[in-house]
PDB file of N, CA and C in Angstrom:
ATOM      1  N   MET A   1     -19.299  15.561 -60.895  1.00  0.00           N
ATOM      2  CA  MET A   1     -18.668  14.288 -60.995  1.00  0.00           C
ATOM      3  C   MET A   1     -17.322  14.296 -60.277  1.00  0.00           C
ATOM      4  N   ILE A   2     -16.567  15.342 -60.462  1.00  0.00           N
ATOM      5  CA  ILE A   2     -15.270  15.436 -59.807  1.00  0.00           C
ATOM      6  C   ILE A   2     -15.435  15.553 -58.295  1.00  0.00           C
ATOM      7  N   SER A   3     -16.422  16.279 -57.846  1.00  0.00           N
ATOM      8  CA  SER A   3     -16.622  16.449 -56.413  1.00  0.00           C
ATOM      9  C   SER A   3     -16.991  15.127 -55.735  1.00  0.00           C
ATOM     10  N   ILE A   4     -17.738  14.271 -56.399  1.00  0.00           N
ATOM     11  CA  ILE A   4     -18.093  12.966 -55.850  1.00  0.00           C
ATOM     12  C   ILE A   4     -16.855  12.081 -55.746  1.00  0.00           C
ATOM     13  N   ALA A   5     -16.019  12.061 -56.747  1.00  0.00           N
ATOM     14  CA  ALA A   5     -14.794  11.262 -56.722  1.00  0.00           C
ATOM     15  C   ALA A   5     -13.847  11.785 -55.648  1.00  0.00           C
ATOM     16  N   TYR A   6     -13.757  13.092 -55.517  1.00  0.00           N
ATOM     17  CA  TYR A   6     -12.894  13.691 -54.494  1.00  0.00           C
ATOM     18  C   TYR A   6     -13.407  13.351 -53.106  1.00  0.00           C
ATOM     19  N   ALA A   7     -14.707  13.390 -52.904  1.00  0.00           N
ATOM     20  CA  ALA A   7     -15.308  13.066 -51.613  1.00  0.00           C
ATOM     21  C   ALA A   7     -15.051  11.608 -51.258  1.00  0.00           C
ATOM     22  N   GLN A   8     -15.134  10.727 -52.233  1.00  0.00           N
ATOM     23  CA  GLN A   8     -14.878   9.315 -51.973  1.00  0.00           C
ATOM     24  C   GLN A   8     -13.417   9.083 -51.601  1.00  0.00           C
ATOM     25  N   GLU A   9     -12.517   9.788 -52.232  1.00  0.00           N
ATOM     26  CA  GLU A   9     -11.090   9.649 -51.929  1.00  0.00           C
ATOM     27  C   GLU A   9     -10.770  10.153 -50.527  1.00  0.00           C
ATOM     28  N   VAL A  10     -11.337  11.298 -50.143  1.00  0.00           N
ATOM     29  CA  VAL A  10     -11.114  11.854 -48.803  1.00  0.00           C
ATOM     30  C   VAL A  10     -11.692  10.921 -47.750  1.00  0.00           C
ATOM     31  N   ALA A  11     -12.868  10.391 -48.008  1.00  0.00           N
ATOM     32  CA  ALA A  11     -13.493   9.479 -47.054  1.00  0.00           C
ATOM     33  C   ALA A  11     -12.659   8.218 -46.885  1.00  0.00           C
ATOM     34  N   ALA A  12     -12.127   7.714 -47.958  1.00  0.00           N
ATOM     35  CA  ALA A  12     -11.330   6.489 -47.898  1.00  0.00           C
ATOM     36  C   ALA A  12     -10.019   6.727 -47.161  1.00  0.00           C
ATOM     37  N   THR A  13      -9.327   7.804 -47.424  1.00  0.00           N
ATOM     38  CA  THR A  13      -8.058   8.083 -46.739  1.00  0.00           C
ATOM     39  C   THR A  13      -8.290   8.508 -45.300  1.00  0.00           C
ATOM     40  N   GLY A  14      -9.356   9.211 -45.030  1.00  0.00           N
ATOM     41  CA  GLY A  14      -9.655   9.631 -43.658  1.00  0.00           C
ATOM     42  C   GLY A  14      -9.969   8.451 -42.759  1.00  0.00           C
ATOM     43  N   ALA A  15     -10.718   7.503 -43.272  1.00  0.00           N
ATOM     44  CA  ALA A  15     -11.058   6.322 -42.485  1.00  0.00           C
ATOM     45  C   ALA A  15      -9.827   5.468 -42.224  1.00  0.00           C
ATOM     46  N   ALA A  16      -8.952   5.378 -43.204  1.00  0.00           N
ATOM     47  CA  ALA A  16      -7.745   4.573 -43.028  1.00  0.00           C
ATOM     48  C   ALA A  16      -6.785   5.237 -42.052  1.00  0.00           C
ATOM     49  N   ALA A  17      -6.721   6.560 -42.054  1.00  0.00           N
ATOM     50  CA  ALA A  17      -5.799   7.264 -41.171  1.00  0.00           C
ATOM     51  C   ALA A  17      -6.310   7.308 -39.736  1.00  0.00           C
ATOM     52  N   ALA A  18      -7.617   7.165 -39.517  1.00  0.00           N
ATOM     53  CA  ALA A  18      -8.189   7.255 -38.181  1.00  0.00           C
ATOM     54  C   ALA A  18      -7.941   5.990 -37.367  1.00  0.00           C
ATOM     55  N   GLN A  19      -7.692   4.871 -37.992  1.00  0.00           N
ATOM     56  CA  GLN A  19      -7.496   3.630 -37.274  1.00  0.00           C
ATOM     57  C   GLN A  19      -6.005   3.387 -37.047  1.00  0.00           C
ATOM     58  N   PRO A  20      -5.562   3.451 -35.780  1.00  0.00           N
ATOM     59  CA  PRO A  20      -4.155   3.178 -35.512  1.00  0.00           C
ATOM     60  C   PRO A  20      -3.859   1.701 -35.734  1.00  0.00           C
ATOM     61  N   GLY A  21      -2.615   1.416 -36.003  1.00  0.00           N
ATOM     62  CA  GLY A  21      -2.245   0.056 -36.353  1.00  0.00           C
ATOM     63  C   GLY A  21      -1.935  -0.809 -35.142  1.00  0.00           C
ATOM     64  N   GLY A  22      -2.483  -1.980 -35.104  1.00  0.00           N
ATOM     65  CA  GLY A  22      -2.182  -3.075 -34.198  1.00  0.00           C
ATOM     66  C   GLY A  22      -1.880  -2.736 -32.755  1.00  0.00           C
ATOM     67  N   PRO A  23      -0.729  -3.159 -32.276  1.00  0.00           N
ATOM     68  CA  PRO A  23      -0.405  -3.010 -30.861  1.00  0.00           C
ATOM     69  C   PRO A  23      -0.120  -1.565 -30.431  1.00  0.00           C
ATOM     70  N   MET A  24       0.031  -0.675 -31.349  1.00  0.00           N
ATOM     71  CA  MET A  24       0.311   0.725 -30.990  1.00  0.00           C
ATOM     72  C   MET A  24      -0.848   1.341 -30.213  1.00  0.00           C
ATOM     73  N   GLN A  25      -2.049   0.864 -30.404  1.00  0.00           N
ATOM     74  CA  GLN A  25      -3.193   1.434 -29.708  1.00  0.00           C
ATOM     75  C   GLN A  25      -3.214   1.028 -28.237  1.00  0.00           C
ATOM     76  N   TYR A  26      -2.492  -0.011 -27.838  1.00  0.00           N
ATOM     77  CA  TYR A  26      -2.474  -0.476 -26.451  1.00  0.00           C
ATOM     78  C   TYR A  26      -1.331   0.126 -25.638  1.00  0.00           C
ATOM     79  N   ILE A  27      -0.419   0.800 -26.267  1.00  0.00           N
ATOM     80  CA  ILE A  27       0.746   1.359 -25.564  1.00  0.00           C
ATOM     81  C   ILE A  27       0.352   2.330 -24.453  1.00  0.00           C
ATOM     82  N   PRO A  28      -0.592   3.256 -24.639  1.00  0.00           N
ATOM     83  CA  PRO A  28      -0.969   4.143 -23.529  1.00  0.00           C
ATOM     84  C   PRO A  28      -1.503   3.377 -22.316  1.00  0.00           C
ATOM     85  N   PHE A  29      -2.292   2.328 -22.542  1.00  0.00           N
ATOM     86  CA  PHE A  29      -2.823   1.548 -21.433  1.00  0.00           C
ATOM     87  C   PHE A  29      -1.710   0.803 -20.705  1.00  0.00           C
ATOM     88  N   ILE A  30      -0.774   0.282 -21.436  1.00  0.00           N
ATOM     89  CA  ILE A  30       0.361  -0.419 -20.834  1.00  0.00           C
ATOM     90  C   ILE A  30       1.202   0.550 -20.010  1.00  0.00           C
ATOM     91  N   LEU A  31       1.447   1.734 -20.524  1.00  0.00           N
ATOM     92  CA  LEU A  31       2.228   2.732 -19.792  1.00  0.00           C
ATOM     93  C   LEU A  31       1.519   3.178 -18.518  1.00  0.00           C
ATOM     94  N   ILE A  32       0.207   3.350 -18.591  1.00  0.00           N
ATOM     95  CA  ILE A  32      -0.550   3.730 -17.399  1.00  0.00           C
ATOM     96  C   ILE A  32      -0.481   2.624 -16.355  1.00  0.00           C
ATOM     97  N   PHE A  33      -0.623   1.373 -16.761  1.00  0.00           N
ATOM     98  CA  PHE A  33      -0.548   0.256 -15.827  1.00  0.00           C
ATOM     99  C   PHE A  33       0.830   0.175 -15.174  1.00  0.00           C
ATOM    100  N   VAL A  34       1.885   0.345 -15.947  1.00  0.00           N
ATOM    101  CA  VAL A  34       3.245   0.303 -15.396  1.00  0.00           C
ATOM    102  C   VAL A  34       3.431   1.432 -14.391  1.00  0.00           C
ATOM    103  N   PHE A  35       2.943   2.610 -14.706  1.00  0.00           N
ATOM    104  CA  PHE A  35       3.052   3.746 -13.795  1.00  0.00           C
ATOM    105  C   PHE A  35       2.311   3.468 -12.488  1.00  0.00           C
ATOM    106  N   VAL A  36       1.077   2.982 -12.579  1.00  0.00           N
ATOM    107  CA  VAL A  36       0.292   2.677 -11.385  1.00  0.00           C
ATOM    108  C   VAL A  36       0.965   1.573 -10.576  1.00  0.00           C
ATOM    109  N   TRP A  37       1.524   0.588 -11.237  1.00  0.00           N
ATOM    110  CA  TRP A  37       2.199  -0.510 -10.532  1.00  0.00           C
ATOM    111  C   TRP A  37       3.363   0.003  -9.695  1.00  0.00           C
ATOM    112  N   PHE A  38       4.227   0.816 -10.288  1.00  0.00           N
ATOM    113  CA  PHE A  38       5.417   1.264  -9.573  1.00  0.00           C
ATOM    114  C   PHE A  38       5.132   2.379  -8.574  1.00  0.00           C
ATOM    115  N   MET A  39       4.085   3.149  -8.768  1.00  0.00           N
ATOM    116  CA  MET A  39       3.812   4.265  -7.877  1.00  0.00           C
ATOM    117  C   MET A  39       2.812   3.939  -6.774  1.00  0.00           C
ATOM    118  N   MET A  40       1.960   2.935  -6.976  1.00  0.00           N
ATOM    119  CA  MET A  40       0.917   2.661  -5.990  1.00  0.00           C
ATOM    120  C   MET A  40       0.911   1.223  -5.480  1.00  0.00           C
ATOM    121  N   ILE A  41       0.864   0.274  -6.366  1.00  0.00           N
ATOM    122  CA  ILE A  41       0.671  -1.116  -5.955  1.00  0.00           C
ATOM    123  C   ILE A  41       1.921  -1.682  -5.295  1.00  0.00           C
ATOM    124  N   ARG A  42       3.067  -1.509  -5.908  1.00  0.00           N
ATOM    125  CA  ARG A  42       4.313  -2.088  -5.384  1.00  0.00           C
ATOM    126  C   ARG A  42       4.683  -1.542  -4.002  1.00  0.00           C
ATOM    127  N   PRO A  43       4.628  -0.211  -3.759  1.00  0.00           N
ATOM    128  CA  PRO A  43       4.931   0.275  -2.405  1.00  0.00           C
ATOM    129  C   PRO A  43       3.948  -0.238  -1.355  1.00  0.00           C
ATOM    130  N   GLN A  44       2.677  -0.371  -1.714  1.00  0.00           N
ATOM    131  CA  GLN A  44       1.696  -0.884  -0.772  1.00  0.00           C
ATOM    132  C   GLN A  44       1.986  -2.339  -0.427  1.00  0.00           C
ATOM    133  N   MET A  45       2.381  -3.137  -1.411  1.00  0.00           N
ATOM    134  CA  MET A  45       2.736  -4.533  -1.149  1.00  0.00           C
ATOM    135  C   MET A  45       3.959  -4.614  -0.244  1.00  0.00           C
ATOM    136  N   LYS A  46       4.911  -3.721  -0.443  1.00  0.00           N
ATOM    137  CA  LYS A  46       6.118  -3.705   0.373  1.00  0.00           C
ATOM    138  C   LYS A  46       5.781  -3.362   1.830  1.00  0.00           C
ATOM    139  N   ARG A  47       4.909  -2.357   2.034  1.00  0.00           N
ATOM    140  CA  ARG A  47       4.503  -1.994   3.398  1.00  0.00           C
ATOM    141  C   ARG A  47       3.748  -3.129   4.070  1.00  0.00           C
ATOM    142  N   ALA A  48       2.886  -3.807   3.323  1.00  0.00           N
ATOM    143  CA  ALA A  48       2.124  -4.932   3.885  1.00  0.00           C
ATOM    144  C   ALA A  48       3.065  -6.063   4.302  1.00  0.00           C
ATOM    145  N   LYS A  49       4.087  -6.319   3.508  1.00  0.00           N
ATOM    146  CA  LYS A  49       5.059  -7.363   3.830  1.00  0.00           C
ATOM    147  C   LYS A  49       5.838  -7.001   5.099  1.00  0.00           C
ATOM    148  N   GLU A  50       6.243  -5.736   5.213  1.00  0.00           N
ATOM    149  CA  GLU A  50       6.973  -5.292   6.405  1.00  0.00           C
ATOM    150  C   GLU A  50       6.096  -5.391   7.645  1.00  0.00           C
ATOM    151  N   HIS A  51       4.806  -5.023   7.524  1.00  0.00           N
ATOM    152  CA  HIS A  51       3.896  -5.100   8.672  1.00  0.00           C
ATOM    153  C   HIS A  51       3.673  -6.547   9.095  1.00  0.00           C
ATOM    154  N   LYS A  52       3.585  -7.446   8.120  1.00  0.00           N
ATOM    155  CA  LYS A  52       3.415  -8.861   8.428  1.00  0.00           C
ATOM    156  C   LYS A  52       4.636  -9.404   9.174  1.00  0.00           C
ATOM    157  N   GLN A  53       5.836  -8.980   8.757  1.00  0.00           N
ATOM    158  CA  GLN A  53       7.053  -9.400   9.452  1.00  0.00           C
ATOM    159  C   GLN A  53       7.093  -8.842  10.869  1.00  0.00           C
ATOM    160  N   LEU A  54       6.629  -7.605  11.044  1.00  0.00           N
ATOM    161  CA  LEU A  54       6.579  -7.002  12.372  1.00  0.00           C
ATOM    162  C   LEU A  54       5.656  -7.795  13.282  1.00  0.00           C
ATOM    163  N   MET A  55       4.495  -8.176  12.770  1.00  0.00           N
ATOM    164  CA  MET A  55       3.538  -8.943  13.577  1.00  0.00           C
ATOM    165  C   MET A  55       4.097 -10.322  13.934  1.00  0.00           C
ATOM    166  N   ALA A  56       4.823 -10.930  13.016  1.00  0.00           N
ATOM    167  CA  ALA A  56       5.381 -12.259  13.281  1.00  0.00           C
ATOM    168  C   ALA A  56       6.518 -12.193  14.301  1.00  0.00           C
ATOM    169  N   SER A  57       7.258 -11.092  14.327  1.00  0.00           N
ATOM    170  CA  SER A  57       8.415 -11.002  15.224  1.00  0.00           C
ATOM    171  C   SER A  57       8.078 -10.360  16.569  1.00  0.00           C
ATOM    172  N   LEU A  58       6.826 -10.030  16.798  1.00  0.00           N
ATOM    173  CA  LEU A  58       6.412  -9.388  18.043  1.00  0.00           C
ATOM    174  C   LEU A  58       6.588 -10.350  19.213  1.00  0.00           C
ATOM    175  N   GLN A  59       7.229  -9.857  20.287  1.00  0.00           N
ATOM    176  CA  GLN A  59       7.481 -10.688  21.467  1.00  0.00           C
ATOM    177  C   GLN A  59       7.124  -9.916  22.723  1.00  0.00           C
ATOM    178  N   LYS A  60       6.987 -10.644  23.798  1.00  0.00           N
ATOM    179  CA  LYS A  60       6.714 -10.026  25.082  1.00  0.00           C
ATOM    180  C   LYS A  60       7.920  -9.171  25.481  1.00  0.00           C
ATOM    181  N   GLY A  61       7.654  -7.947  25.924  1.00  0.00           N
ATOM    182  CA  GLY A  61       8.716  -7.033  26.329  1.00  0.00           C
ATOM    183  C   GLY A  61       9.090  -6.024  25.248  1.00  0.00           C
ATOM    184  N   ASP A  62       8.612  -6.217  24.022  1.00  0.00           N
ATOM    185  CA  ASP A  62       8.881  -5.257  22.946  1.00  0.00           C
ATOM    186  C   ASP A  62       8.142  -3.949  23.212  1.00  0.00           C
ATOM    187  N   GLU A  63       8.758  -2.860  22.833  1.00  0.00           N
ATOM    188  CA  GLU A  63       8.145  -1.546  22.973  1.00  0.00           C
ATOM    189  C   GLU A  63       7.579  -1.164  21.611  1.00  0.00           C
ATOM    190  N   VAL A  64       6.280  -0.816  21.588  1.00  0.00           N
ATOM    191  CA  VAL A  64       5.592  -0.582  20.325  1.00  0.00           C
ATOM    192  C   VAL A  64       4.805   0.721  20.366  1.00  0.00           C
ATOM    193  N   LEU A  65       4.409   1.152  19.176  1.00  0.00           N
ATOM    194  CA  LEU A  65       3.579   2.328  18.993  1.00  0.00           C
ATOM    195  C   LEU A  65       2.339   1.903  18.215  1.00  0.00           C
ATOM    196  N   THR A  66       1.170   2.377  18.647  1.00  0.00           N
ATOM    197  CA  THR A  66      -0.072   2.013  17.966  1.00  0.00           C
ATOM    198  C   THR A  66      -0.493   3.110  16.993  1.00  0.00           C
ATOM    199  N   GLN A  67      -1.512   2.805  16.188  1.00  0.00           N
ATOM    200  CA  GLN A  67      -2.034   3.784  15.237  1.00  0.00           C
ATOM    201  C   GLN A  67      -2.562   5.022  15.944  1.00  0.00           C
ATOM    202  N   GLY A  68      -3.089   4.856  17.119  1.00  0.00           N
ATOM    203  CA  GLY A  68      -3.638   5.982  17.877  1.00  0.00           C
ATOM    204  C   GLY A  68      -2.585   6.808  18.587  1.00  0.00           C
ATOM    205  N   GLY A  69      -1.337   6.398  18.514  1.00  0.00           N
ATOM    206  CA  GLY A  69      -0.257   7.151  19.135  1.00  0.00           C
ATOM    207  C   GLY A  69       0.115   6.684  20.532  1.00  0.00           C
ATOM    208  N   LEU A  70      -0.477   5.604  20.996  1.00  0.00           N
ATOM    209  CA  LEU A  70      -0.128   5.075  22.305  1.00  0.00           C
ATOM    210  C   LEU A  70       1.174   4.289  22.222  1.00  0.00           C
ATOM    211  N   ALA A  71       2.044   4.551  23.171  1.00  0.00           N
ATOM    212  CA  ALA A  71       3.300   3.809  23.256  1.00  0.00           C
ATOM    213  C   ALA A  71       3.240   2.938  24.499  1.00  0.00           C
ATOM    214  N   GLY A  72       3.674   1.712  24.354  1.00  0.00           N
ATOM    215  CA  GLY A  72       3.647   0.813  25.493  1.00  0.00           C
ATOM    216  C   GLY A  72       4.532  -0.391  25.266  1.00  0.00           C
ATOM    217  N   ARG A  73       4.608  -1.201  26.311  1.00  0.00           N
ATOM    218  CA  ARG A  73       5.421  -2.413  26.284  1.00  0.00           C
ATOM    219  C   ARG A  73       4.486  -3.609  26.220  1.00  0.00           C
ATOM    220  N   VAL A  74       4.777  -4.552  25.343  1.00  0.00           N
ATOM    221  CA  VAL A  74       3.940  -5.737  25.184  1.00  0.00           C
ATOM    222  C   VAL A  74       4.055  -6.598  26.434  1.00  0.00           C
ATOM    223  N   SER A  75       2.895  -6.879  27.058  1.00  0.00           N
ATOM    224  CA  SER A  75       2.912  -7.712  28.251  1.00  0.00           C
ATOM    225  C   SER A  75       2.300  -9.093  28.000  1.00  0.00           C
ATOM    226  N   LYS A  76       1.351  -9.164  27.083  1.00  0.00           N
ATOM    227  CA  LYS A  76       0.728 -10.446  26.741  1.00  0.00           C
ATOM    228  C   LYS A  76       0.455 -10.461  25.253  1.00  0.00           C
ATOM    229  N   LEU A  77       0.639 -11.626  24.654  1.00  0.00           N
ATOM    230  CA  LEU A  77       0.362 -11.808  23.232  1.00  0.00           C
ATOM    231  C   LEU A  77      -0.776 -12.800  23.061  1.00  0.00           C
ATOM    232  N   GLY A  78      -1.735 -12.440  22.236  1.00  0.00           N
ATOM    233  CA  GLY A  78      -2.829 -13.332  21.908  1.00  0.00           C
ATOM    234  C   GLY A  78      -2.861 -13.578  20.411  1.00  0.00           C
ATOM    235  N   GLU A  79      -3.869 -14.321  19.990  1.00  0.00           N
ATOM    236  CA  GLU A  79      -4.018 -14.633  18.569  1.00  0.00           C
ATOM    237  C   GLU A  79      -4.258 -13.366  17.749  1.00  0.00           C
ATOM    238  N   SER A  80      -5.187 -12.543  18.191  1.00  0.00           N
ATOM    239  CA  SER A  80      -5.492 -11.328  17.441  1.00  0.00           C
ATOM    240  C   SER A  80      -5.406 -10.062  18.294  1.00  0.00           C
ATOM    241  N   TYR A  81      -5.144 -10.203  19.573  1.00  0.00           N
ATOM    242  CA  TYR A  81      -5.030  -9.051  20.464  1.00  0.00           C
ATOM    243  C   TYR A  81      -3.709  -9.079  21.214  1.00  0.00           C
ATOM    244  N   VAL A  82      -3.271  -7.885  21.616  1.00  0.00           N
ATOM    245  CA  VAL A  82      -2.030  -7.731  22.370  1.00  0.00           C
ATOM    246  C   VAL A  82      -2.330  -6.847  23.573  1.00  0.00           C
ATOM    247  N   ALA A  83      -1.829  -7.230  24.737  1.00  0.00           N
ATOM    248  CA  ALA A  83      -1.970  -6.402  25.927  1.00  0.00           C
ATOM    249  C   ALA A  83      -0.723  -5.534  26.045  1.00  0.00           C
ATOM    250  N   LEU A  84      -0.942  -4.219  26.126  1.00  0.00           N
ATOM    251  CA  LEU A  84       0.170  -3.277  26.260  1.00  0.00           C
ATOM    252  C   LEU A  84       0.154  -2.666  27.647  1.00  0.00           C
ATOM    253  N   GLU A  85       1.314  -2.601  28.260  1.00  0.00           N
ATOM    254  CA  GLU A  85       1.459  -1.926  29.542  1.00  0.00           C
ATOM    255  C   GLU A  85       1.818  -0.470  29.230  1.00  0.00           C
ATOM    256  N   VAL A  86       0.859   0.428  29.495  1.00  0.00           N
ATOM    257  CA  VAL A  86       1.085   1.834  29.188  1.00  0.00           C
ATOM    258  C   VAL A  86       1.518   2.620  30.418  1.00  0.00           C
ATOM    259  N   LEU A  87       1.150   2.165  31.589  1.00  0.00           N
ATOM    260  CA  LEU A  87       1.606   2.695  32.870  1.00  0.00           C
ATOM    261  C   LEU A  87       2.027   1.514  33.720  1.00  0.00           C
ATOM    262  N   SER A  88       2.720   1.767  34.794  1.00  0.00           N
ATOM    263  CA  SER A  88       3.084   0.660  35.687  1.00  0.00           C
ATOM    264  C   SER A  88       1.817   0.022  36.223  1.00  0.00           C
ATOM    265  N   GLY A  89       1.551  -1.188  35.799  1.00  0.00           N
ATOM    266  CA  GLY A  89       0.383  -1.924  36.264  1.00  0.00           C
ATOM    267  C   GLY A  89      -0.867  -1.691  35.438  1.00  0.00           C
ATOM    268  N   ALA A  90      -0.873  -0.728  34.548  1.00  0.00           N
ATOM    269  CA  ALA A  90      -2.055  -0.453  33.720  1.00  0.00           C
ATOM    270  C   ALA A  90      -1.856  -1.051  32.332  1.00  0.00           C
ATOM    271  N   GLU A  91      -2.781  -1.917  31.973  1.00  0.00           N
ATOM    272  CA  GLU A  91      -2.695  -2.565  30.671  1.00  0.00           C
ATOM    273  C   GLU A  91      -3.918  -2.225  29.831  1.00  0.00           C
ATOM    274  N   ILE A  92      -3.696  -2.126  28.539  1.00  0.00           N
ATOM    275  CA  ILE A  92      -4.803  -1.964  27.601  1.00  0.00           C
ATOM    276  C   ILE A  92      -4.708  -3.079  26.574  1.00  0.00           C
ATOM    277  N   LEU A  93      -5.840  -3.402  25.996  1.00  0.00           N
ATOM    278  CA  LEU A  93      -5.906  -4.459  24.990  1.00  0.00           C
ATOM    279  C   LEU A  93      -6.108  -3.803  23.630  1.00  0.00           C
ATOM    280  N   VAL A  94      -5.231  -4.103  22.680  1.00  0.00           N
ATOM    281  CA  VAL A  94      -5.337  -3.555  21.325  1.00  0.00           C
ATOM    282  C   VAL A  94      -5.242  -4.704  20.318  1.00  0.00           C
ATOM    283  N   GLN A  95      -5.784  -4.456  19.141  1.00  0.00           N
ATOM    284  CA  GLN A  95      -5.662  -5.448  18.085  1.00  0.00           C
ATOM    285  C   GLN A  95      -4.233  -5.457  17.576  1.00  0.00           C
ATOM    286  N   ARG A  96      -3.785  -6.609  17.121  1.00  0.00           N
ATOM    287  CA  ARG A  96      -2.432  -6.716  16.562  1.00  0.00           C
ATOM    288  C   ARG A  96      -2.243  -5.780  15.374  1.00  0.00           C
ATOM    289  N   SER A  97      -3.267  -5.649  14.556  1.00  0.00           N
ATOM    290  CA  SER A  97      -3.157  -4.805  13.367  1.00  0.00           C
ATOM    291  C   SER A  97      -3.026  -3.323  13.710  1.00  0.00           C
ATOM    292  N   ALA A  98      -3.343  -2.922  14.940  1.00  0.00           N
ATOM    293  CA  ALA A  98      -3.227  -1.520  15.341  1.00  0.00           C
ATOM    294  C   ALA A  98      -1.782  -1.138  15.656  1.00  0.00           C
ATOM    295  N   ILE A  99      -0.910  -2.120  15.799  1.00  0.00           N
ATOM    296  CA  ILE A  99       0.497  -1.825  16.074  1.00  0.00           C
ATOM    297  C   ILE A  99       1.184  -1.488  14.762  1.00  0.00           C
ATOM    298  N   VAL A 100       1.800  -0.308  14.709  1.00  0.00           N
ATOM    299  CA  VAL A 100       2.398   0.143  13.463  1.00  0.00           C
ATOM    300  C   VAL A 100       3.915   0.218  13.506  1.00  0.00           C
ATOM    301  N   LEU A 101       4.503   0.230  14.693  1.00  0.00           N
ATOM    302  CA  LEU A 101       5.941   0.435  14.776  1.00  0.00           C
ATOM    303  C   LEU A 101       6.497  -0.232  16.024  1.00  0.00           C
ATOM    304  N   ALA A 102       7.603  -0.906  15.870  1.00  0.00           N
ATOM    305  CA  ALA A 102       8.333  -1.446  17.015  1.00  0.00           C
ATOM    306  C   ALA A 102       9.438  -0.448  17.342  1.00  0.00           C
ATOM    307  N   LEU A 103       9.397   0.068  18.556  1.00  0.00           N
ATOM    308  CA  LEU A 103      10.376   1.071  18.985  1.00  0.00           C
ATOM    309  C   LEU A 103      11.674   0.389  19.409  1.00  0.00           C
ATOM    310  N   PRO A 104      12.795   1.085  19.311  1.00  0.00           N
ATOM    311  CA  PRO A 104      14.053   0.504  19.790  1.00  0.00           C
ATOM    312  C   PRO A 104      14.012   0.261  21.297  1.00  0.00           C
ATOM    313  N   LYS A 105      14.715  -0.756  21.731  1.00  0.00           N
ATOM    314  CA  LYS A 105      14.756  -1.089  23.166  1.00  0.00           C
ATOM    315  C   LYS A 105      15.270   0.111  23.957  1.00  0.00           C
ATOM    316  N   GLY A 106      14.604   0.376  25.078  1.00  0.00           N
ATOM    317  CA  GLY A 106      15.026   1.470  25.926  1.00  0.00           C
ATOM    318  C   GLY A 106      14.374   2.801  25.599  1.00  0.00           C
ATOM    319  N   THR A 107      13.516   2.834  24.611  1.00  0.00           N
ATOM    320  CA  THR A 107      12.828   4.089  24.262  1.00  0.00           C
ATOM    321  C   THR A 107      11.939   4.516  25.424  1.00  0.00           C
ATOM    322  N   LEU A 108      11.244   3.577  25.976  1.00  0.00           N
ATOM    323  CA  LEU A 108      10.415   3.838  27.140  1.00  0.00           C
ATOM    324  C   LEU A 108      11.240   3.434  28.358  1.00  0.00           C
ATOM    325  N   LYS A 109      12.035   4.353  28.861  1.00  0.00           N
ATOM    326  CA  LYS A 109      12.971   4.029  29.965  1.00  0.00           C
ATOM    327  C   LYS A 109      12.260   3.342  31.108  1.00  0.00           C
ATOM    328  N   SER A 110      11.311   4.009  31.651  1.00  0.00           N
ATOM    329  CA  SER A 110      10.486   3.398  32.682  1.00  0.00           C
ATOM    330  C   SER A 110       9.087   3.961  32.532  1.00  0.00           C
ATOM    331  N   LEU A 111       8.143   3.101  32.664  1.00  0.00           N
ATOM    332  CA  LEU A 111       6.770   3.560  32.539  1.00  0.00           C
ATOM    333  C   LEU A 111       6.396   4.334  33.797  1.00  0.00           C
ATOM    334  N   PRO A 112       5.788   5.501  33.627  1.00  0.00           N
ATOM    335  CA  PRO A 112       5.421   6.319  34.805  1.00  0.00           C
ATOM    336  C   PRO A 112       4.401   5.657  35.671  1.00  0.00           C
TER     337      PRO A 112
END
């Protein structure tokens, strides 16, 4: 008889202790989301904003670097493509999104 009463008491207290209270159970998820936001999402949004500004400010004569490592001077601007002069008289066509960096003026002193 005593063992049955003891078992019922342990079961009742164990079940009550296993359930965390209210909003405390969501704190780990909130902390993980905040961590992911500041370490991954926010920097990516910042880079995307900077790249968008670079694309909007691109002008003829700017010296740029592409994702593939090609450096050249912008000779023609299109809606989605840009013509780069990589040698004197030699032009290549690249997508606007392939341009990753605008170089300071004078970086490419003269194209060979």
